[in-house]
Protein backbone atom coordinates (compact mmCIF):
# COMPACT_ATOMS: atom_id res chain seq x y z
CA UNK A 1 -0.02 0.01 0.09
CA UNK A 2 2.93 2.50 0.70
CA UNK A 3 4.34 1.81 -2.64
CA UNK A 4 1.02 2.47 -4.49
CA UNK A 5 0.63 5.84 -2.31
CA UNK A 6 4.35 6.85 -2.82
CA UNK A 7 3.94 6.41 -6.56
CA UNK A 8 0.70 8.36 -6.74
CA UNK A 9 2.37 11.12 -4.49
CA UNK A 10 5.41 11.52 -6.82
CA UNK A 11 3.06 11.54 -9.95
CA UNK A 12 1.10 14.33 -8.31
CA UNK A 13 4.42 15.89 -7.35
CA UNK A 14 5.61 16.07 -11.09
CA UNK A 15 2.35 16.88 -12.68
CA UNK A 16 0.10 18.92 -10.35
CA UNK A 17 2.28 22.12 -10.43
CA UNK A 18 -0.73 24.37 -10.51
CA UNK A 19 -2.03 23.33 -6.97
CA UNK A 20 1.52 23.51 -5.17
CA UNK A 21 0.62 26.64 -3.72
CA UNK A 22 -1.77 24.90 -1.21
CA UNK A 23 1.02 23.24 0.42
CA UNK A 24 3.12 26.34 1.26
CA UNK A 25 1.05 26.48 4.43
CA UNK A 26 1.79 30.07 5.52
CA UNK A 27 -1.01 29.63 8.02
CA UNK A 28 1.19 27.35 10.05
CA UNK A 29 3.61 30.04 10.68
CA UNK A 30 1.33 31.71 13.01
CA UNK A 31 1.08 28.42 15.00
CA UNK A 32 4.63 28.10 15.00
CA UNK A 33 5.12 31.70 16.20
CA UNK A 34 2.61 31.13 18.80
CA UNK A 35 4.68 28.10 19.99
CA UNK A 36 7.86 30.19 20.03
CA UNK A 37 6.12 32.84 21.84
CA UNK A 38 5.04 30.23 24.76
CA UNK A 39 8.37 28.65 24.72
CA UNK A 40 10.17 31.93 25.41
CA UNK A 41 8.56 31.93 28.81
CA UNK A 42 10.66 28.65 29.46
CA UNK A 43 13.89 30.64 29.81
CA UNK A 44 15.57 28.04 31.95
CA UNK A 45 14.88 25.11 29.75
CA UNK A 46 17.24 24.05 26.97
CA UNK A 47 15.64 25.49 23.63
CA UNK A 48 15.61 21.93 22.35
CA UNK A 49 12.86 20.79 24.52
CA UNK A 50 10.06 23.23 23.46
CA UNK A 51 11.12 22.75 19.76
CA UNK A 52 10.69 19.07 20.08
CA UNK A 53 7.42 19.37 21.87
CA UNK A 54 6.25 21.95 19.02
CA UNK A 55 7.16 19.33 16.47
CA UNK A 56 5.16 16.63 18.20
CA UNK A 57 2.17 18.81 18.65
CA UNK A 58 2.14 19.72 14.91
CA UNK A 59 2.56 16.07 14.14
CA UNK A 60 -0.41 14.95 16.49
CA UNK A 61 -3.27 15.51 14.15
CA UNK A 62 -1.70 12.88 11.67
CA UNK A 63 -1.13 10.55 14.55
CA UNK A 64 -4.89 10.92 15.80
CA UNK A 65 -6.26 10.25 12.36
CA UNK A 66 -4.17 7.17 12.11
CA UNK A 67 -5.28 5.99 15.47
CA UNK A 68 -8.86 6.74 14.96
CA UNK A 69 -9.18 4.94 11.83
CA UNK A 70 -7.53 1.96 13.30
CA UNK A 71 -8.11 -1.37 11.02
CA UNK A 72 -9.74 0.78 8.55
CA UNK A 73 -6.19 1.81 7.43
CA UNK A 74 -5.82 -1.46 5.76
CA UNK A 75 -7.62 -0.43 2.70
CA UNK A 76 -8.64 2.68 0.68
CA UNK A 77 -8.61 5.23 3.83
CA UNK A 78 -4.86 4.33 4.45
CA UNK A 79 -4.21 5.03 0.56
CA UNK A 80 -6.08 8.33 0.66
CA UNK A 81 -4.52 9.55 3.92
CA UNK A 82 -1.07 8.55 2.80
CA UNK A 83 -1.29 10.41 -0.61
CA UNK A 84 -2.68 13.67 1.04
CA UNK A 85 0.02 13.63 3.72
CA UNK A 86 2.73 13.00 1.12
CA UNK A 87 1.37 15.89 -1.13
CA UNK A 88 1.62 18.24 1.77
CA UNK A 89 4.99 16.76 2.97
CA UNK A 90 6.93 16.71 -0.31
CA UNK A 91 8.20 20.11 -1.24
CA UNK A 92 6.90 22.77 -0.31
CA UNK A 93 8.05 23.67 -3.97
CA UNK A 94 9.06 21.24 -6.72
CA UNK A 95 12.62 21.19 -7.33
CA UNK A 96 12.29 20.36 -10.92
CA UNK A 97 10.02 23.36 -11.46
CA UNK A 98 12.42 25.71 -9.77
CA UNK A 99 15.30 24.54 -12.03
CA UNK A 100 13.26 24.84 -15.02
CA UNK A 101 12.51 28.44 -14.21
CA UNK A 102 16.25 29.01 -13.47
CA UNK A 103 17.40 27.49 -16.85
CA UNK A 104 14.53 29.57 -18.68
CA UNK A 105 15.97 32.70 -17.22
CA UNK A 106 19.48 31.72 -18.33
CA UNK A 107 18.18 30.96 -21.98
CA UNK A 108 16.40 34.48 -22.03
CA UNK A 109 19.68 36.44 -20.55
CA UNK A 110 17.08 37.95 -17.91
CA UNK A 111 19.55 38.87 -15.24
CA UNK A 112 16.90 39.95 -12.81
CA UNK A 113 14.91 36.69 -13.16
CA UNK A 114 18.23 34.69 -12.83
CA UNK A 115 18.91 36.30 -9.47
CA UNK A 116 15.26 35.64 -8.57
CA UNK A 117 15.20 32.15 -9.46
CA UNK A 118 18.60 31.37 -8.12
CA UNK A 119 17.65 32.84 -4.84
CA UNK A 120 14.58 30.65 -4.87
CA UNK A 121 16.88 27.57 -5.25
CA UNK A 122 19.61 28.60 -2.64
CA UNK A 123 16.91 29.98 -0.09
CA UNK A 124 19.62 32.67 0.79
CA UNK A 125 21.48 35.45 -0.77
CA UNK A 126 23.33 34.47 -3.90
CA UNK A 127 27.00 35.05 -4.89
CA UNK A 128 27.71 38.13 -7.08
CA UNK A 129 30.33 36.39 -9.00
CA UNK A 130 28.47 34.30 -12.01
CA UNK A 131 30.80 31.30 -11.53
CA UNK A 132 30.37 30.95 -7.90
CA UNK A 133 26.69 31.60 -8.31
CA UNK A 134 26.38 28.67 -10.70
CA UNK A 135 28.35 26.46 -8.24
CA UNK A 136 25.79 27.82 -5.55
CA UNK A 137 22.76 26.95 -7.50
CA UNK A 138 24.01 23.23 -8.32
CA UNK A 139 24.98 22.69 -4.69
CA UNK A 140 21.41 23.91 -3.74
CA UNK A 141 19.77 21.50 -6.10
CA UNK A 142 21.40 18.52 -4.50
CA UNK A 143 20.70 19.86 -0.94
CA UNK A 144 17.12 20.81 -1.78
CA UNK A 145 16.40 17.41 -3.66
CA UNK A 146 17.30 15.68 -0.34
CA UNK A 147 15.33 17.94 1.84
CA UNK A 148 12.23 18.19 -0.45
CA UNK A 149 12.08 14.65 -1.71
CA UNK A 150 14.47 12.09 -0.65
CA UNK A 151 14.27 12.66 3.21
CA UNK A 152 10.45 12.72 3.16
CA UNK A 153 10.50 9.40 1.22
CA UNK A 154 12.92 7.93 3.57
CA UNK A 155 10.70 8.56 6.56
CA UNK A 156 7.67 7.61 4.95
CA UNK A 157 9.06 4.17 4.11
CA UNK A 158 11.11 3.91 7.55
CA UNK A 159 7.67 4.12 9.39
CA UNK A 160 6.25 1.20 7.84
CA UNK A 161 2.41 1.19 8.42
CA UNK A 162 2.83 4.62 10.00
CA UNK A 163 4.51 6.10 7.00
CA UNK A 164 2.21 9.23 6.80
CA UNK A 165 3.29 10.14 10.28
CA UNK A 166 7.08 9.55 9.50
CA UNK A 167 6.55 11.91 6.53
CA UNK A 168 4.70 14.50 8.03
CA UNK A 169 6.92 14.68 11.28
CA UNK A 170 9.84 15.34 9.09
CA UNK A 171 8.17 18.19 7.19
CA UNK A 172 7.09 19.97 10.47
CA UNK A 173 10.49 19.86 11.64
CA UNK A 174 11.45 21.59 8.41
CA UNK A 175 8.74 24.15 8.86
CA UNK A 176 9.76 25.04 12.06
CA UNK A 177 13.48 25.38 11.14
CA UNK A 178 12.57 27.54 8.43
CA UNK A 179 10.44 29.88 10.44
CA UNK A 180 13.10 29.92 13.18
CA UNK A 181 15.76 30.81 10.83
CA UNK A 182 13.43 33.54 9.38
CA UNK A 183 12.65 34.90 12.77
CA UNK A 184 16.35 34.84 13.99
CA UNK A 185 17.36 36.81 10.78
CA UNK A 186 14.98 39.82 11.81
CA UNK A 187 16.78 39.81 15.36
CA UNK A 188 20.09 41.59 15.91
CA UNK A 189 21.17 39.73 18.98
CA UNK A 190 22.77 36.59 18.13
CA UNK A 191 22.31 35.36 21.76
CA UNK A 192 18.70 36.30 21.64
CA UNK A 193 15.61 33.87 22.19
CA UNK A 194 15.05 33.68 18.14
CA UNK A 195 18.75 32.73 17.59
CA UNK A 196 18.46 29.86 20.46
CA UNK A 197 15.37 28.57 18.60
CA UNK A 198 17.00 28.84 15.33
CA UNK A 199 19.86 26.71 16.78
CA UNK A 200 17.58 24.13 18.31
CA UNK A 201 15.32 23.79 15.36
CA UNK A 202 18.39 23.26 13.01
CA UNK A 203 19.91 20.76 15.24
CA UNK A 204 16.65 18.58 15.26
CA UNK A 205 16.30 19.05 11.71
CA UNK A 206 19.83 17.78 11.39
CA UNK A 207 19.37 14.91 13.14
CA UNK A 208 16.47 13.88 11.02
CA UNK A 209 18.18 14.59 7.89
CA UNK A 210 21.56 12.64 8.60
CA UNK A 211 20.70 9.26 7.50
CA UNK A 212 18.64 10.14 4.41
CA UNK A 213 21.36 12.66 3.31
CA UNK A 214 24.01 10.05 3.35
CA UNK A 215 21.70 7.63 1.41
CA UNK A 216 21.05 10.41 -1.00
CA UNK A 217 24.70 11.25 -1.31
CA UNK A 218 25.51 7.41 -2.04
CA UNK A 219 22.59 7.55 -4.76
CA UNK A 220 24.26 10.46 -6.32
CA UNK A 221 27.37 8.52 -6.96
CA UNK A 222 25.35 5.62 -8.22
CA UNK A 223 23.25 7.71 -10.47
CA UNK A 224 26.10 9.98 -11.77
CA UNK A 225 29.96 9.76 -12.11
CA UNK A 226 30.93 7.17 -9.41
CA UNK A 227 34.55 7.79 -8.94
CA UNK A 228 34.06 11.53 -8.86
CA UNK A 229 31.71 11.26 -6.33
CA UNK A 230 33.53 8.89 -4.37
CA UNK A 231 36.59 11.14 -4.53
CA UNK A 232 34.50 14.15 -3.58
CA UNK A 233 33.27 12.10 -0.41
CA UNK A 234 36.69 11.30 0.74
CA UNK A 235 38.27 14.67 -0.14
CA UNK A 236 39.36 16.69 2.95
CA UNK A 237 36.94 19.44 3.99
CA UNK A 238 37.58 22.91 3.46
CA UNK A 239 35.38 23.92 6.25
CA UNK A 240 34.36 22.31 9.42
CA UNK A 241 30.53 22.01 9.72
CA UNK A 242 29.27 23.71 13.04
CA UNK A 243 25.97 21.79 13.03
CA UNK A 244 24.87 18.27 11.87
CA UNK A 245 22.58 19.79 9.25
CA UNK A 246 25.54 21.87 7.71
CA UNK A 247 27.42 18.81 7.73
CA UNK A 248 25.01 16.88 5.69
CA UNK A 249 24.46 19.79 3.32
CA UNK A 250 28.25 20.22 2.64
CA UNK A 251 28.36 16.28 1.90
CA UNK A 252 25.50 16.53 -0.52
CA UNK A 253 26.85 19.51 -2.19
CA UNK A 254 30.27 17.89 -2.65
CA UNK A 255 29.28 14.50 -3.70
CA UNK A 256 26.69 15.87 -6.10
CA UNK A 257 29.16 18.12 -7.80
CA UNK A 258 31.58 15.06 -8.13
CA UNK A 259 28.79 12.91 -9.50
CA UNK A 260 28.23 15.56 -12.25
CA UNK A 261 31.95 15.75 -13.12
CA UNK A 262 31.19 18.79 -15.31
CA UNK A 263 34.09 20.55 -17.08
CA UNK A 264 34.07 23.91 -18.71
CA UNK A 265 33.98 23.89 -22.58
CA UNK A 266 35.63 26.10 -24.99
CA UNK A 267 33.89 28.89 -26.34
CA UNK A 268 30.99 28.51 -23.63
CA UNK A 269 29.35 31.51 -22.27
CA UNK A 270 28.54 31.85 -18.47
CA UNK A 271 24.98 31.42 -19.14
CA UNK A 272 25.32 28.46 -21.18
CA UNK A 273 27.64 26.80 -18.48
CA UNK A 274 24.83 27.57 -15.94
CA UNK A 275 22.27 26.28 -18.23
CA UNK A 276 24.13 22.92 -18.70
CA UNK A 277 25.01 22.48 -14.99
CA UNK A 278 21.33 23.13 -13.78
CA UNK A 279 19.68 20.73 -16.42
CA UNK A 280 22.60 18.09 -15.48
CA UNK A 281 21.82 18.45 -11.66
CA UNK A 282 18.07 18.11 -12.22
CA UNK A 283 18.61 15.01 -14.41
CA UNK A 284 20.71 13.45 -11.80
CA UNK A 285 18.15 14.15 -9.18
CA UNK A 286 15.56 12.44 -11.61
CA UNK A 287 17.56 9.40 -12.22
CA UNK A 288 18.08 8.94 -8.48
CA UNK A 289 14.42 9.23 -7.90
CA UNK A 290 13.82 6.33 -10.63
CA UNK A 291 16.40 4.34 -8.76
CA UNK A 292 14.75 4.89 -5.35
CA UNK A 293 11.29 3.90 -6.76
CA UNK A 294 12.81 0.74 -8.13
CA UNK A 295 14.49 -0.08 -4.74
CA UNK A 296 11.25 0.61 -2.79
CA UNK A 297 9.41 -1.52 -5.24
CA UNK A 298 11.87 -4.55 -5.05
CA UNK A 299 11.61 -4.16 -1.01
CA UNK A 300 7.80 -4.15 -1.19
CA UNK A 301 7.75 -7.31 -3.46
CA UNK A 302 10.04 -9.14 -1.07
CA UNK A 303 8.08 -8.05 2.02
CA UNK A 304 10.82 -5.71 3.54
CA UNK A 305 8.31 -2.82 3.80
CA UNK A 306 4.62 -2.61 4.36
């Protein structure tokens, strides 16, 4: 049943782009902010405790539905629930659509649009140097693919009959992290309450993303240039990661770039190089998605998943 729900969910992910705005869930920002407001009163508590409690609270509705349906989950109700939860857990934006918008801006030589679409992928300020920006975008594709797709799929499969709960629990931790980072960016004091919640939310998200990030990185090696990816995995790090989340992002970026094994070509403009890199990164993600689908199907046939 999980396999059917996953396949339908991924098809919706690829085709139903006109309804993606439903899963941005801006209304949850108010709930998260309210949670931070009440948590701020627990000044003596480690920030991680209220962040975990908030994540559990947001995941509770899915658990309640699963518990209420009980044995009915063995049939169509479970399939419907799994598809709906997957729809809202994947994303919130489609990585392929974001890359296509970026490549379209490059083809049209629209500098303003290039900056906007690159920023949407990176989810931060982009580099001013064109070549550094290209590398930043390619790295972001590999990181965002894990965050938006593969980590959700991993926890959906890992939770077995409670798959919807696993996928949604991961997504709410990401929503909390995003909101905490946004709130901290508006606070001048790096030792303030918002910064404490940001660090705690990032740490929680980093724990949940640790295993799927390494599976995804290995998948990039399988789906791309294996020797290049393996060399990048083993290469000494230029910077030491300060958090588990940052360590996973650095690994995904390094291995993904190694798996692409792209080299500059003669008489190639900077926009042509960016277009080639963006398309190649998106293709690598899509190939890995197919590999994961085949592996999950095989596990299902052999009874290794529910």
